[in-house]
Amino acid sequence: MDALRLQSPDGHQLQPVSPLVTWAELGQLLAAKEDPPALHGDKWVTLRLNACLFGSFTHHLQAAGVTEPGYSVEIGQAMQACCRAIMDSTGADLGYTYSDKIVIVMAPRRKLEGGGLAAFLHNGRVQKCVSTMASVATAFINSCLRDKAAERGIILDEHLVAHFDCRAGVFDSEDEALALVLCGANSCSLDSVQEACLHANAPLGVQSVSLAEKLLWLKDASLLPLDPHQAHGSLFIKGTGQFEAVIPNTTEVVNVTRRVNIQVNDGAYGPRNLLLVPSSGLSLLPAQSDLRMGLRNGSYWRFAGPSGTGEESQGGQRGQRGERRTPRKRNNDKRSPRRKQ
């Protein structure tokens, strides 16, 4: 009876039940990999970013009137944009964000003509990489939220800032690296329901029961479905797309290839809950031919430039035409040609 109720249209995508101790042990194994001396080009590399004291920060935003009480769609969107900015800065293959956390996954580097491997960001120097990415995340999300405050005519205290820490991991295989994403998806599935009950002032007895019972209480209170990002997080994969661009001097329309970040758990061709992806016969890191990698309106974003400094464009909102492409000017500068990424 309860299972049937949870499968109703206003229900929630539930993953198979796994013992909490199993996830805890997996988390310990993964954490042991997050103390590398260097980021080697033949390994899978991860970055894990956590916002520090974010609950206190969001409380102050609510008190200032920037966001509404409870789950904030605006903060969720800021975290999504922050995740994509980190992907752009690192050239990452995968980015997953939920709550106040971001997980980045980078595949082994390509082989060079001389037989070696291309280096990761900052030539694989761990401290340089994690400090830079923590700075990018910190600057980007504060910029997003201050813009949101400005839209509402609110000037935030200059001392009210969010900040991130970052740690790097090195793994021998794709499966090991993606286990970090699955751990995050499990935490998201549990914590989002718990927080929804807290925001709704659920009785203490409800807050201490099982996940299924919490969901039944939310359902009976007409609080389902939760926001998709709140419930399951957002998984972005690096891809490419063909676009039309206009050369200003000639008004000629040309076709260009641009990098895009595609949200693949938007529900179009697979489950939103990442813990259901393996049982669906799908991969967390889909090939470019996968239907989830299609450029659907509202589910892909154009490359925003290093550190997210460029203006990000969402597919389906600004369209695929209208980019202004400036021809390169010739000069006598004899710099070495830029290496292909």
C-alpha atoms as a PDB file:
ATOM      1  CA  MET A   1       0.000   0.000   0.000  1.00  0.00           C
ATOM      2  CA  ASP A   2       2.690   2.510   1.023  1.00  0.00           C
ATOM      3  CA  ALA A   3       4.851   1.520  -1.963  1.00  0.00           C
ATOM      4  CA  LEU A   4       1.939   2.128  -4.332  1.00  0.00           C
ATOM      5  CA  ARG A   5       1.313   5.539  -2.787  1.00  0.00           C
ATOM      6  CA  LEU A   6       4.956   6.511  -3.297  1.00  0.00           C
ATOM      7  CA  GLN A   7       4.736   5.646  -6.979  1.00  0.00           C
ATOM      8  CA  SER A   8       1.942   8.167  -7.598  1.00  0.00           C
ATOM      9  CA  PRO A   9       2.573  11.127  -9.941  1.00  0.00           C
ATOM     10  CA  ASP A  10       3.276  13.402  -6.966  1.00  0.00           C
ATOM     11  CA  GLY A  11       5.693  10.877  -5.487  1.00  0.00           C
ATOM     12  CA  HIS A  12       9.462  10.696  -5.314  1.00  0.00           C
ATOM     13  CA  GLN A  13      12.073   8.633  -7.156  1.00  0.00           C
ATOM     14  CA  LEU A  14      13.301   6.170  -4.543  1.00  0.00           C
ATOM     15  CA  GLN A  15      16.569   4.280  -4.900  1.00  0.00           C
ATOM     16  CA  PRO A  16      17.132   0.676  -3.722  1.00  0.00           C
ATOM     17  CA  VAL A  17      17.583   0.482   0.037  1.00  0.00           C
ATOM     18  CA  SER A  18      21.218   0.115   1.119  1.00  0.00           C
ATOM     19  CA  PRO A  19      22.554  -0.079   4.690  1.00  0.00           C
ATOM     20  CA  LEU A  20      23.873   3.232   5.974  1.00  0.00           C
ATOM     21  CA  VAL A  21      27.012   1.488   7.197  1.00  0.00           C
ATOM     22  CA  THR A  22      27.811   0.476   3.618  1.00  0.00           C
ATOM     23  CA  TRP A  23      27.727   4.086   2.456  1.00  0.00           C
ATOM     24  CA  ALA A  24      29.778   5.159   5.462  1.00  0.00           C
ATOM     25  CA  GLU A  25      32.465   2.586   4.673  1.00  0.00           C
ATOM     26  CA  LEU A  26      32.526   3.626   1.015  1.00  0.00           C
ATOM     27  CA  GLY A  27      32.884   7.254   2.071  1.00  0.00           C
ATOM     28  CA  GLN A  28      35.909   6.377   4.199  1.00  0.00           C
ATOM     29  CA  LEU A  29      37.550   4.524   1.321  1.00  0.00           C
ATOM     30  CA  LEU A  30      37.015   7.472  -1.006  1.00  0.00           C
ATOM     31  CA  ALA A  31      38.292   9.998   1.533  1.00  0.00           C
ATOM     32  CA  ALA A  32      41.508   7.992   1.812  1.00  0.00           C
ATOM     33  CA  LYS A  33      42.140   8.790  -1.864  1.00  0.00           C
ATOM     34  CA  GLU A  34      41.845  12.540  -1.294  1.00  0.00           C
ATOM     35  CA  ASP A  35      45.392  13.227  -0.168  1.00  0.00           C
ATOM     36  CA  PRO A  36      47.461  12.906  -3.366  1.00  0.00           C
ATOM     37  CA  PRO A  37      50.958  14.391  -3.712  1.00  0.00           C
ATOM     38  CA  ALA A  38      50.174  15.391  -7.316  1.00  0.00           C
ATOM     39  CA  LEU A  39      47.490  15.061  -9.980  1.00  0.00           C
ATOM     40  CA  HIS A  40      48.910  12.522 -12.418  1.00  0.00           C
ATOM     41  CA  GLY A  41      47.804  12.645 -16.042  1.00  0.00           C
ATOM     42  CA  ASP A  42      47.152   8.905 -16.238  1.00  0.00           C
ATOM     43  CA  LYS A  43      44.653   8.919 -13.344  1.00  0.00           C
ATOM     44  CA  TRP A  44      41.050   9.949 -12.795  1.00  0.00           C
ATOM     45  CA  VAL A  45      41.011  13.167 -10.784  1.00  0.00           C
ATOM     46  CA  THR A  46      38.195  14.538  -8.644  1.00  0.00           C
ATOM     47  CA  LEU A  47      37.563  17.821  -6.877  1.00  0.00           C
ATOM     48  CA  ARG A  48      35.119  18.022  -3.997  1.00  0.00           C
ATOM     49  CA  LEU A  49      33.981  21.469  -2.902  1.00  0.00           C
ATOM     50  CA  ASN A  50      31.936  22.170   0.222  1.00  0.00           C
ATOM     51  CA  ALA A  51      30.458  25.485   1.292  1.00  0.00           C
ATOM     52  CA  CYS A  52      31.536  26.349   4.846  1.00  0.00           C
ATOM     53  CA  LEU A  53      28.920  27.357   7.442  1.00  0.00           C
ATOM     54  CA  PHE A  54      26.437  27.662   4.599  1.00  0.00           C
ATOM     55  CA  GLY A  55      23.386  27.207   6.840  1.00  0.00           C
ATOM     56  CA  SER A  56      24.271  30.348   8.784  1.00  0.00           C
ATOM     57  CA  PHE A  57      24.932  32.205   5.534  1.00  0.00           C
ATOM     58  CA  THR A  58      21.549  31.272   4.029  1.00  0.00           C
ATOM     59  CA  HIS A  59      19.810  32.202   7.288  1.00  0.00           C
ATOM     60  CA  HIS A  60      21.228  35.720   6.968  1.00  0.00           C
ATOM     61  CA  LEU A  61      20.086  35.869   3.324  1.00  0.00           C
ATOM     62  CA  GLN A  62      16.565  34.968   4.419  1.00  0.00           C
ATOM     63  CA  ALA A  63      16.625  37.556   7.198  1.00  0.00           C
ATOM     64  CA  ALA A  64      17.726  40.197   4.671  1.00  0.00           C
ATOM     65  CA  GLY A  65      14.869  39.266   2.337  1.00  0.00           C
ATOM     66  CA  VAL A  66      17.091  37.954  -0.478  1.00  0.00           C
ATOM     67  CA  THR A  67      15.601  34.453  -0.351  1.00  0.00           C
ATOM     68  CA  GLU A  68      12.398  32.955   0.984  1.00  0.00           C
ATOM     69  CA  PRO A  69      12.237  30.645   4.036  1.00  0.00           C
ATOM     70  CA  GLY A  70      12.716  26.961   3.308  1.00  0.00           C
ATOM     71  CA  TYR A  71      14.361  25.612   0.176  1.00  0.00           C
ATOM     72  CA  SER A  72      15.638  28.417  -2.067  1.00  0.00           C
ATOM     73  CA  VAL A  73      15.418  27.931  -5.826  1.00  0.00           C
ATOM     74  CA  GLU A  74      17.702  30.959  -6.243  1.00  0.00           C
ATOM     75  CA  ILE A  75      20.483  29.380  -4.181  1.00  0.00           C
ATOM     76  CA  GLY A  76      20.018  26.104  -6.057  1.00  0.00           C
ATOM     77  CA  GLN A  77      20.437  27.924  -9.362  1.00  0.00           C
ATOM     78  CA  ALA A  78      23.515  29.734  -8.027  1.00  0.00           C
ATOM     79  CA  MET A  79      25.075  26.393  -7.048  1.00  0.00           C
ATOM     80  CA  GLN A  80      24.328  24.999 -10.514  1.00  0.00           C
ATOM     81  CA  ALA A  81      25.983  28.010 -12.158  1.00  0.00           C
ATOM     82  CA  CYS A  82      28.936  27.686  -9.786  1.00  0.00           C
ATOM     83  CA  CYS A  83      29.348  24.008 -10.730  1.00  0.00           C
ATOM     84  CA  ARG A  84      29.379  24.876 -14.429  1.00  0.00           C
ATOM     85  CA  ALA A  85      31.931  27.647 -13.813  1.00  0.00           C
ATOM     86  CA  ILE A  86      34.254  25.120 -12.136  1.00  0.00           C
ATOM     87  CA  MET A  87      33.767  22.772 -15.095  1.00  0.00           C
ATOM     88  CA  ASP A  88      34.677  25.578 -17.494  1.00  0.00           C
ATOM     89  CA  SER A  89      37.744  26.508 -15.456  1.00  0.00           C
ATOM     90  CA  THR A  90      39.097  22.962 -15.288  1.00  0.00           C
ATOM     91  CA  GLY A  91      37.808  21.495 -18.559  1.00  0.00           C
ATOM     92  CA  ALA A  92      36.130  18.806 -16.435  1.00  0.00           C
ATOM     93  CA  ASP A  93      34.161  15.976 -17.983  1.00  0.00           C
ATOM     94  CA  LEU A  94      31.510  15.843 -15.240  1.00  0.00           C
ATOM     95  CA  GLY A  95      30.108  18.107 -12.559  1.00  0.00           C
ATOM     96  CA  TYR A  96      27.511  17.185  -9.935  1.00  0.00           C
ATOM     97  CA  THR A  97      26.051  19.615  -7.438  1.00  0.00           C
ATOM     98  CA  TYR A  98      23.548  19.166  -4.639  1.00  0.00           C
ATOM     99  CA  SER A  99      22.767  21.161  -1.524  1.00  0.00           C
ATOM    100  CA  ASP A 100      25.932  23.220  -0.866  1.00  0.00           C
ATOM    101  CA  LYS A 101      28.354  20.738  -2.447  1.00  0.00           C
ATOM    102  CA  ILE A 102      30.027  20.239  -5.831  1.00  0.00           C
ATOM    103  CA  VAL A 103      31.795  17.137  -7.185  1.00  0.00           C
ATOM    104  CA  ILE A 104      34.009  17.467 -10.277  1.00  0.00           C
ATOM    105  CA  VAL A 105      35.405  14.517 -12.258  1.00  0.00           C
ATOM    106  CA  MET A 106      38.218  14.753 -14.827  1.00  0.00           C
ATOM    107  CA  ALA A 107      39.239  11.837 -17.056  1.00  0.00           C
ATOM    108  CA  PRO A 108      42.906  10.929 -17.690  1.00  0.00           C
ATOM    109  CA  ARG A 109      44.661  13.382 -19.971  1.00  0.00           C
ATOM    110  CA  ARG A 110      45.262  12.768 -23.661  1.00  0.00           C
ATOM    111  CA  LYS A 111      48.530  11.404 -24.978  1.00  0.00           C
ATOM    112  CA  LEU A 112      50.957  13.856 -26.571  1.00  0.00           C
ATOM    113  CA  GLU A 113      52.864  13.246 -29.786  1.00  0.00           C
ATOM    114  CA  GLY A 114      56.053  12.684 -27.820  1.00  0.00           C
ATOM    115  CA  GLY A 115      54.446   9.846 -25.887  1.00  0.00           C
ATOM    116  CA  GLY A 116      53.794  11.710 -22.653  1.00  0.00           C
ATOM    117  CA  LEU A 117      50.495  12.891 -21.206  1.00  0.00           C
ATOM    118  CA  ALA A 118      48.999  16.353 -21.109  1.00  0.00           C
ATOM    119  CA  ALA A 119      48.985  17.829 -17.619  1.00  0.00           C
ATOM    120  CA  PHE A 120      46.013  18.650 -15.446  1.00  0.00           C
ATOM    121  CA  LEU A 121      45.306  22.178 -14.318  1.00  0.00           C
ATOM    122  CA  HIS A 122      48.385  23.995 -12.924  1.00  0.00           C
ATOM    123  CA  ASN A 123      50.590  21.091 -14.059  1.00  0.00           C
ATOM    124  CA  GLY A 124      48.965  18.843 -11.488  1.00  0.00           C
ATOM    125  CA  ARG A 125      50.036  20.868  -8.443  1.00  0.00           C
ATOM    126  CA  VAL A 126      47.475  19.947  -5.817  1.00  0.00           C
ATOM    127  CA  GLN A 127      47.624  22.998  -3.563  1.00  0.00           C
ATOM    128  CA  LYS A 128      47.527  25.374  -6.512  1.00  0.00           C
ATOM    129  CA  CYS A 129      44.540  23.578  -8.005  1.00  0.00           C
ATOM    130  CA  VAL A 130      42.399  23.290  -4.859  1.00  0.00           C
ATOM    131  CA  SER A 131      43.100  26.845  -3.695  1.00  0.00           C
ATOM    132  CA  THR A 132      42.257  28.265  -7.117  1.00  0.00           C
ATOM    133  CA  MET A 133      39.029  26.309  -7.480  1.00  0.00           C
ATOM    134  CA  ALA A 134      37.901  27.170  -3.949  1.00  0.00           C
ATOM    135  CA  SER A 135      38.494  30.827  -4.870  1.00  0.00           C
ATOM    136  CA  VAL A 136      36.549  30.508  -8.129  1.00  0.00           C
ATOM    137  CA  ALA A 137      33.579  28.928  -6.340  1.00  0.00           C
ATOM    138  CA  THR A 138      33.672  31.530  -3.571  1.00  0.00           C
ATOM    139  CA  ALA A 139      33.840  34.494  -5.955  1.00  0.00           C
ATOM    140  CA  PHE A 140      31.234  33.114  -8.325  1.00  0.00           C
ATOM    141  CA  ILE A 141      28.486  32.265  -5.838  1.00  0.00           C
ATOM    142  CA  ASN A 142      28.886  35.539  -3.952  1.00  0.00           C
ATOM    143  CA  SER A 143      28.606  37.413  -7.236  1.00  0.00           C
ATOM    144  CA  CYS A 144      25.444  35.462  -8.150  1.00  0.00           C
ATOM    145  CA  LEU A 145      23.752  36.064  -4.800  1.00  0.00           C
ATOM    146  CA  ARG A 146      24.710  39.749  -4.613  1.00  0.00           C
ATOM    147  CA  ASP A 147      23.223  40.218  -8.072  1.00  0.00           C
ATOM    148  CA  LYS A 148      20.046  38.544  -6.790  1.00  0.00           C
ATOM    149  CA  ALA A 149      20.011  40.906  -3.810  1.00  0.00           C
ATOM    150  CA  ALA A 150      20.516  43.910  -6.094  1.00  0.00           C
ATOM    151  CA  GLU A 151      17.525  42.833  -8.196  1.00  0.00           C
ATOM    152  CA  ARG A 152      15.428  43.149  -5.042  1.00  0.00           C
ATOM    153  CA  GLY A 153      16.973  46.473  -4.067  1.00  0.00           C
ATOM    154  CA  ILE A 154      18.866  44.959  -1.141  1.00  0.00           C
ATOM    155  CA  ILE A 155      22.443  45.860  -0.248  1.00  0.00           C
ATOM    156  CA  LEU A 156      24.100  43.049   1.683  1.00  0.00           C
ATOM    157  CA  ASP A 157      26.568  43.620   4.487  1.00  0.00           C
ATOM    158  CA  GLU A 158      30.083  43.462   3.035  1.00  0.00           C
ATOM    159  CA  HIS A 159      31.056  40.923   5.702  1.00  0.00           C
ATOM    160  CA  LEU A 160      28.289  38.514   4.648  1.00  0.00           C
ATOM    161  CA  VAL A 161      30.118  36.185   2.259  1.00  0.00           C
ATOM    162  CA  ALA A 162      29.991  32.485   1.444  1.00  0.00           C
ATOM    163  CA  HIS A 163      33.218  30.560   1.073  1.00  0.00           C
ATOM    164  CA  PHE A 164      34.241  27.093  -0.071  1.00  0.00           C
ATOM    165  CA  ASP A 165      36.908  24.567   0.736  1.00  0.00           C
ATOM    166  CA  CYS A 166      38.194  22.128  -1.870  1.00  0.00           C
ATOM    167  CA  ARG A 167      39.981  18.788  -1.812  1.00  0.00           C
ATOM    168  CA  ALA A 168      41.393  16.728  -4.672  1.00  0.00           C
ATOM    169  CA  GLY A 169      41.299  12.979  -5.180  1.00  0.00           C
ATOM    170  CA  VAL A 170      43.185  10.624  -7.490  1.00  0.00           C
ATOM    171  CA  PHE A 171      41.672   7.314  -8.589  1.00  0.00           C
ATOM    172  CA  ASP A 172      42.844   4.417 -10.757  1.00  0.00           C
ATOM    173  CA  SER A 173      39.533   3.813 -12.551  1.00  0.00           C
ATOM    174  CA  GLU A 174      36.403   5.558 -13.752  1.00  0.00           C
ATOM    175  CA  ASP A 175      34.201   3.470 -11.442  1.00  0.00           C
ATOM    176  CA  GLU A 176      36.196   4.535  -8.389  1.00  0.00           C
ATOM    177  CA  ALA A 177      35.958   8.216  -9.309  1.00  0.00           C
ATOM    178  CA  LEU A 178      32.229   8.009 -10.063  1.00  0.00           C
ATOM    179  CA  ALA A 179      31.637   6.343  -6.685  1.00  0.00           C
ATOM    180  CA  LEU A 180      32.204   9.810  -5.245  1.00  0.00           C
ATOM    181  CA  VAL A 181      29.247  11.036  -7.309  1.00  0.00           C
ATOM    182  CA  LEU A 182      27.061   8.153  -6.109  1.00  0.00           C
ATOM    183  CA  CYS A 183      27.933   8.929  -2.500  1.00  0.00           C
ATOM    184  CA  GLY A 184      26.834  12.487  -3.085  1.00  0.00           C
ATOM    185  CA  ALA A 185      23.592  11.330  -4.721  1.00  0.00           C
ATOM    186  CA  ASN A 186      22.821   9.128  -1.726  1.00  0.00           C
ATOM    187  CA  SER A 187      23.428  11.996   0.696  1.00  0.00           C
ATOM    188  CA  CYS A 188      21.239  14.249  -1.439  1.00  0.00           C
ATOM    189  CA  SER A 189      18.350  11.751  -1.477  1.00  0.00           C
ATOM    190  CA  LEU A 190      18.379  11.414   2.308  1.00  0.00           C
ATOM    191  CA  ASP A 191      19.181  14.970   3.356  1.00  0.00           C
ATOM    192  CA  SER A 192      16.748  16.686   0.983  1.00  0.00           C
ATOM    193  CA  VAL A 193      13.792  14.804   2.460  1.00  0.00           C
ATOM    194  CA  GLN A 194      14.960  15.434   6.025  1.00  0.00           C
ATOM    195  CA  GLU A 195      15.381  19.154   5.336  1.00  0.00           C
ATOM    196  CA  ALA A 196      11.976  19.344   3.648  1.00  0.00           C
ATOM    197  CA  CYS A 197      10.398  17.943   6.799  1.00  0.00           C
ATOM    198  CA  LEU A 198      12.298  20.436   8.958  1.00  0.00           C
ATOM    199  CA  HIS A 199      11.268  23.373   6.764  1.00  0.00           C
ATOM    200  CA  ALA A 200       7.642  22.220   6.977  1.00  0.00           C
ATOM    201  CA  ASN A 201       7.819  21.984  10.798  1.00  0.00           C
ATOM    202  CA  ALA A 202       7.030  18.291  10.748  1.00  0.00           C
ATOM    203  CA  PRO A 203       6.444  16.679  14.174  1.00  0.00           C
ATOM    204  CA  LEU A 204       9.566  15.382  15.899  1.00  0.00           C
ATOM    205  CA  GLY A 205       8.265  11.856  15.500  1.00  0.00           C
ATOM    206  CA  VAL A 206       8.275  12.256  11.705  1.00  0.00           C
ATOM    207  CA  GLN A 207      11.813  13.615  11.635  1.00  0.00           C
ATOM    208  CA  SER A 208      13.182  10.448  13.269  1.00  0.00           C
ATOM    209  CA  VAL A 209      11.438   7.819  11.118  1.00  0.00           C
ATOM    210  CA  SER A 210      12.557   6.125   7.887  1.00  0.00           C
ATOM    211  CA  LEU A 211      12.945   7.848   4.532  1.00  0.00           C
ATOM    212  CA  ALA A 212       9.800   6.204   3.163  1.00  0.00           C
ATOM    213  CA  GLU A 213       7.731   7.357   6.138  1.00  0.00           C
ATOM    214  CA  LYS A 214       9.057  10.908   5.797  1.00  0.00           C
ATOM    215  CA  LEU A 215       8.045  10.893   2.137  1.00  0.00           C
ATOM    216  CA  LEU A 216       4.572   9.641   3.022  1.00  0.00           C
ATOM    217  CA  TRP A 217       4.187  12.509   5.500  1.00  0.00           C
ATOM    218  CA  LEU A 218       5.314  15.014   2.836  1.00  0.00           C
ATOM    219  CA  LYS A 219       2.911  13.471   0.352  1.00  0.00           C
ATOM    220  CA  ASP A 220      -0.038  13.656   2.738  1.00  0.00           C
ATOM    221  CA  ALA A 221       0.911  17.285   3.453  1.00  0.00           C
ATOM    222  CA  SER A 222       0.811  17.997  -0.327  1.00  0.00           C
ATOM    223  CA  LEU A 223       4.516  18.903  -0.286  1.00  0.00           C
ATOM    224  CA  LEU A 224       5.575  16.523  -3.062  1.00  0.00           C
ATOM    225  CA  PRO A 225       7.165  16.560  -5.482  1.00  0.00           C
ATOM    226  CA  LEU A 226      10.185  18.395  -4.172  1.00  0.00           C
ATOM    227  CA  ASP A 227      12.064  20.700  -6.511  1.00  0.00           C
ATOM    228  CA  PRO A 228      14.069  18.391  -8.859  1.00  0.00           C
ATOM    229  CA  HIS A 229      17.417  19.933  -7.954  1.00  0.00           C
ATOM    230  CA  GLN A 230      16.588  19.843  -4.253  1.00  0.00           C
ATOM    231  CA  ALA A 231      15.583  16.184  -4.406  1.00  0.00           C
ATOM    232  CA  HIS A 232      18.272  14.733  -6.665  1.00  0.00           C
ATOM    233  CA  GLY A 233      20.877  17.379  -7.482  1.00  0.00           C
ATOM    234  CA  SER A 234      22.037  18.280 -10.992  1.00  0.00           C
ATOM    235  CA  LEU A 235      24.490  16.286 -13.124  1.00  0.00           C
ATOM    236  CA  PHE A 236      26.288  18.161 -15.913  1.00  0.00           C
ATOM    237  CA  ILE A 237      28.410  16.543 -18.643  1.00  0.00           C
ATOM    238  CA  LYS A 238      30.792  18.324 -20.975  1.00  0.00           C
ATOM    239  CA  GLY A 239      29.729  18.146 -24.606  1.00  0.00           C
ATOM    240  CA  THR A 240      29.867  20.121 -27.826  1.00  0.00           C
ATOM    241  CA  GLY A 241      27.279  21.722 -30.071  1.00  0.00           C
ATOM    242  CA  GLN A 242      27.022  23.296 -33.497  1.00  0.00           C
ATOM    243  CA  PHE A 243      25.880  26.911 -33.540  1.00  0.00           C
ATOM    244  CA  GLU A 244      25.482  29.773 -35.974  1.00  0.00           C
ATOM    245  CA  ALA A 245      27.624  32.860 -35.477  1.00  0.00           C
ATOM    246  CA  VAL A 246      27.677  36.206 -37.257  1.00  0.00           C
ATOM    247  CA  ILE A 247      30.978  37.838 -38.301  1.00  0.00           C
ATOM    248  CA  PRO A 248      30.393  41.545 -37.504  1.00  0.00           C
ATOM    249  CA  ASN A 249      32.433  43.035 -40.370  1.00  0.00           C
ATOM    250  CA  THR A 250      30.740  41.004 -43.090  1.00  0.00           C
ATOM    251  CA  THR A 251      27.469  39.900 -41.429  1.00  0.00           C
ATOM    252  CA  GLU A 252      28.369  36.452 -42.745  1.00  0.00           C
ATOM    253  CA  VAL A 253      26.714  33.589 -40.887  1.00  0.00           C
ATOM    254  CA  VAL A 254      29.112  30.736 -40.150  1.00  0.00           C
ATOM    255  CA  ASN A 255      28.832  27.451 -38.284  1.00  0.00           C
ATOM    256  CA  VAL A 256      30.970  27.100 -35.156  1.00  0.00           C
ATOM    257  CA  THR A 257      31.557  24.342 -32.625  1.00  0.00           C
ATOM    258  CA  ARG A 258      31.292  25.381 -28.998  1.00  0.00           C
ATOM    259  CA  ARG A 259      31.675  23.607 -25.681  1.00  0.00           C
ATOM    260  CA  VAL A 260      28.464  23.130 -23.715  1.00  0.00           C
ATOM    261  CA  ASN A 261      27.569  21.808 -20.270  1.00  0.00           C
ATOM    262  CA  ILE A 262      24.534  19.537 -20.551  1.00  0.00           C
ATOM    263  CA  GLN A 263      22.289  18.547 -17.656  1.00  0.00           C
ATOM    264  CA  VAL A 264      21.699  14.850 -18.228  1.00  0.00           C
ATOM    265  CA  ASN A 265      19.448  14.093 -15.248  1.00  0.00           C
ATOM    266  CA  ASP A 266      16.672  16.468 -16.282  1.00  0.00           C
ATOM    267  CA  GLY A 267      14.341  13.481 -16.660  1.00  0.00           C
ATOM    268  CA  ALA A 268      14.099  13.587 -20.454  1.00  0.00           C
ATOM    269  CA  TYR A 269      15.806  10.259 -21.184  1.00  0.00           C
ATOM    270  CA  GLY A 270      16.548   8.704 -17.814  1.00  0.00           C
ATOM    271  CA  PRO A 271      15.963   8.974 -14.081  1.00  0.00           C
ATOM    272  CA  ARG A 272      16.678  12.124 -12.133  1.00  0.00           C
ATOM    273  CA  ASN A 273      17.893  10.087  -9.170  1.00  0.00           C
ATOM    274  CA  LEU A 274      21.481   9.115 -10.032  1.00  0.00           C
ATOM    275  CA  LEU A 275      21.269   5.992  -7.873  1.00  0.00           C
ATOM    276  CA  LEU A 276      18.772   4.602 -10.394  1.00  0.00           C
ATOM    277  CA  VAL A 277      21.053   5.208 -13.383  1.00  0.00           C
ATOM    278  CA  PRO A 278      23.062   1.913 -13.224  1.00  0.00           C
ATOM    279  CA  SER A 279      19.923  -0.227 -12.906  1.00  0.00           C
ATOM    280  CA  SER A 280      18.500   1.602 -15.936  1.00  0.00           C
ATOM    281  CA  GLY A 281      21.390   0.353 -18.080  1.00  0.00           C
ATOM    282  CA  LEU A 282      22.842   3.861 -18.361  1.00  0.00           C
ATOM    283  CA  SER A 283      26.187   5.401 -17.470  1.00  0.00           C
ATOM    284  CA  LEU A 284      26.866   8.319 -15.160  1.00  0.00           C
ATOM    285  CA  LEU A 285      29.359   9.535 -17.765  1.00  0.00           C
ATOM    286  CA  PRO A 286      27.441   9.097 -21.037  1.00  0.00           C
ATOM    287  CA  ALA A 287      28.995   8.984 -24.489  1.00  0.00           C
ATOM    288  CA  GLN A 288      28.305  11.858 -26.879  1.00  0.00           C
ATOM    289  CA  SER A 289      25.878   9.613 -28.800  1.00  0.00           C
ATOM    290  CA  ASP A 290      23.706   9.090 -25.707  1.00  0.00           C
ATOM    291  CA  LEU A 291      20.229  10.614 -26.024  1.00  0.00           C
ATOM    292  CA  ARG A 292      20.774  12.453 -22.735  1.00  0.00           C
ATOM    293  CA  MET A 293      23.550  14.431 -24.450  1.00  0.00           C
ATOM    294  CA  GLY A 294      21.111  16.052 -26.889  1.00  0.00           C
ATOM    295  CA  LEU A 295      20.841  19.852 -26.801  1.00  0.00           C
ATOM    296  CA  ARG A 296      17.371  20.247 -25.312  1.00  0.00           C
ATOM    297  CA  ASN A 297      15.974  23.713 -24.683  1.00  0.00           C
ATOM    298  CA  GLY A 298      16.831  24.829 -21.163  1.00  0.00           C
ATOM    299  CA  SER A 299      19.136  21.882 -20.421  1.00  0.00           C
ATOM    300  CA  TYR A 300      22.463  23.063 -21.842  1.00  0.00           C
ATOM    301  CA  TRP A 301      24.676  26.060 -21.252  1.00  0.00           C
ATOM    302  CA  ARG A 302      27.318  27.552 -23.480  1.00  0.00           C
ATOM    303  CA  PHE A 303      30.950  27.633 -22.342  1.00  0.00           C
ATOM    304  CA  ALA A 304      31.316  30.567 -19.947  1.00  0.00           C
ATOM    305  CA  GLY A 305      35.070  31.080 -20.327  1.00  0.00           C
ATOM    306  CA  PRO A 306      37.915  30.582 -17.854  1.00  0.00           C
ATOM    307  CA  SER A 307      36.754  30.877 -14.250  1.00  0.00           C
ATOM    308  CA  GLY A 308      33.263  31.694 -15.465  1.00  0.00           C
ATOM    309  CA  THR A 309      34.332  35.179 -16.520  1.00  0.00           C
ATOM    310  CA  GLY A 310      32.412  35.145 -19.778  1.00  0.00           C
ATOM    311  CA  GLU A 311      28.660  35.565 -20.112  1.00  0.00           C
ATOM    312  CA  GLU A 312      26.988  32.178 -19.860  1.00  0.00           C
ATOM    313  CA  SER A 313      24.213  31.479 -22.336  1.00  0.00           C
ATOM    314  CA  GLN A 314      21.492  28.902 -21.674  1.00  0.00           C
ATOM    315  CA  GLY A 315      20.235  26.882 -24.600  1.00  0.00           C
ATOM    316  CA  GLY A 316      16.683  27.644 -25.623  1.00  0.00           C
ATOM    317  CA  GLN A 317      16.607  31.009 -23.876  1.00  0.00           C
ATOM    318  CA  ARG A 318      19.003  33.125 -25.903  1.00  0.00           C
ATOM    319  CA  GLY A 319      18.889  30.893 -28.940  1.00  0.00           C
ATOM    320  CA  GLN A 320      21.587  29.364 -31.074  1.00  0.00           C
ATOM    321  CA  ARG A 321      22.088  32.315 -33.365  1.00  0.00           C
ATOM    322  CA  GLY A 322      23.439  35.751 -32.767  1.00  0.00           C
ATOM    323  CA  GLU A 323      26.922  35.088 -31.419  1.00  0.00           C
ATOM    324  CA  ARG A 324      29.263  37.793 -32.644  1.00  0.00           C
ATOM    325  CA  ARG A 325      32.496  36.389 -33.882  1.00  0.00           C
ATOM    326  CA  THR A 326      35.426  38.751 -34.313  1.00  0.00           C
ATOM    327  CA  PRO A 327      38.045  37.687 -36.882  1.00  0.00           C
ATOM    328  CA  ARG A 328      41.546  37.197 -35.475  1.00  0.00           C
ATOM    329  CA  LYS A 329      43.970  40.021 -36.198  1.00  0.00           C
ATOM    330  CA  ARG A 330      47.363  39.195 -37.571  1.00  0.00           C
ATOM    331  CA  ASN A 331      50.421  40.552 -35.828  1.00  0.00           C
ATOM    332  CA  ASN A 332      54.120  39.918 -35.576  1.00  0.00           C
ATOM    333  CA  ASP A 333      53.990  38.351 -32.133  1.00  0.00           C
ATOM    334  CA  LYS A 334      55.923  35.072 -32.419  1.00  0.00           C
ATOM    335  CA  ARG A 335      54.251  33.266 -29.519  1.00  0.00           C
ATOM    336  CA  SER A 336      54.075  29.506 -29.451  1.00  0.00           C
ATOM    337  CA  PRO A 337      50.804  28.170 -30.829  1.00  0.00           C
ATOM    338  CA  ARG A 338      48.174  27.351 -28.217  1.00  0.00           C
ATOM    339  CA  ARG A 339      47.971  23.673 -27.368  1.00  0.00           C
ATOM    340  CA  LYS A 340      44.753  21.924 -28.122  1.00  0.00           C
ATOM    341  CA  GLN A 341      42.841  20.896 -25.025  1.00  0.00           C
END
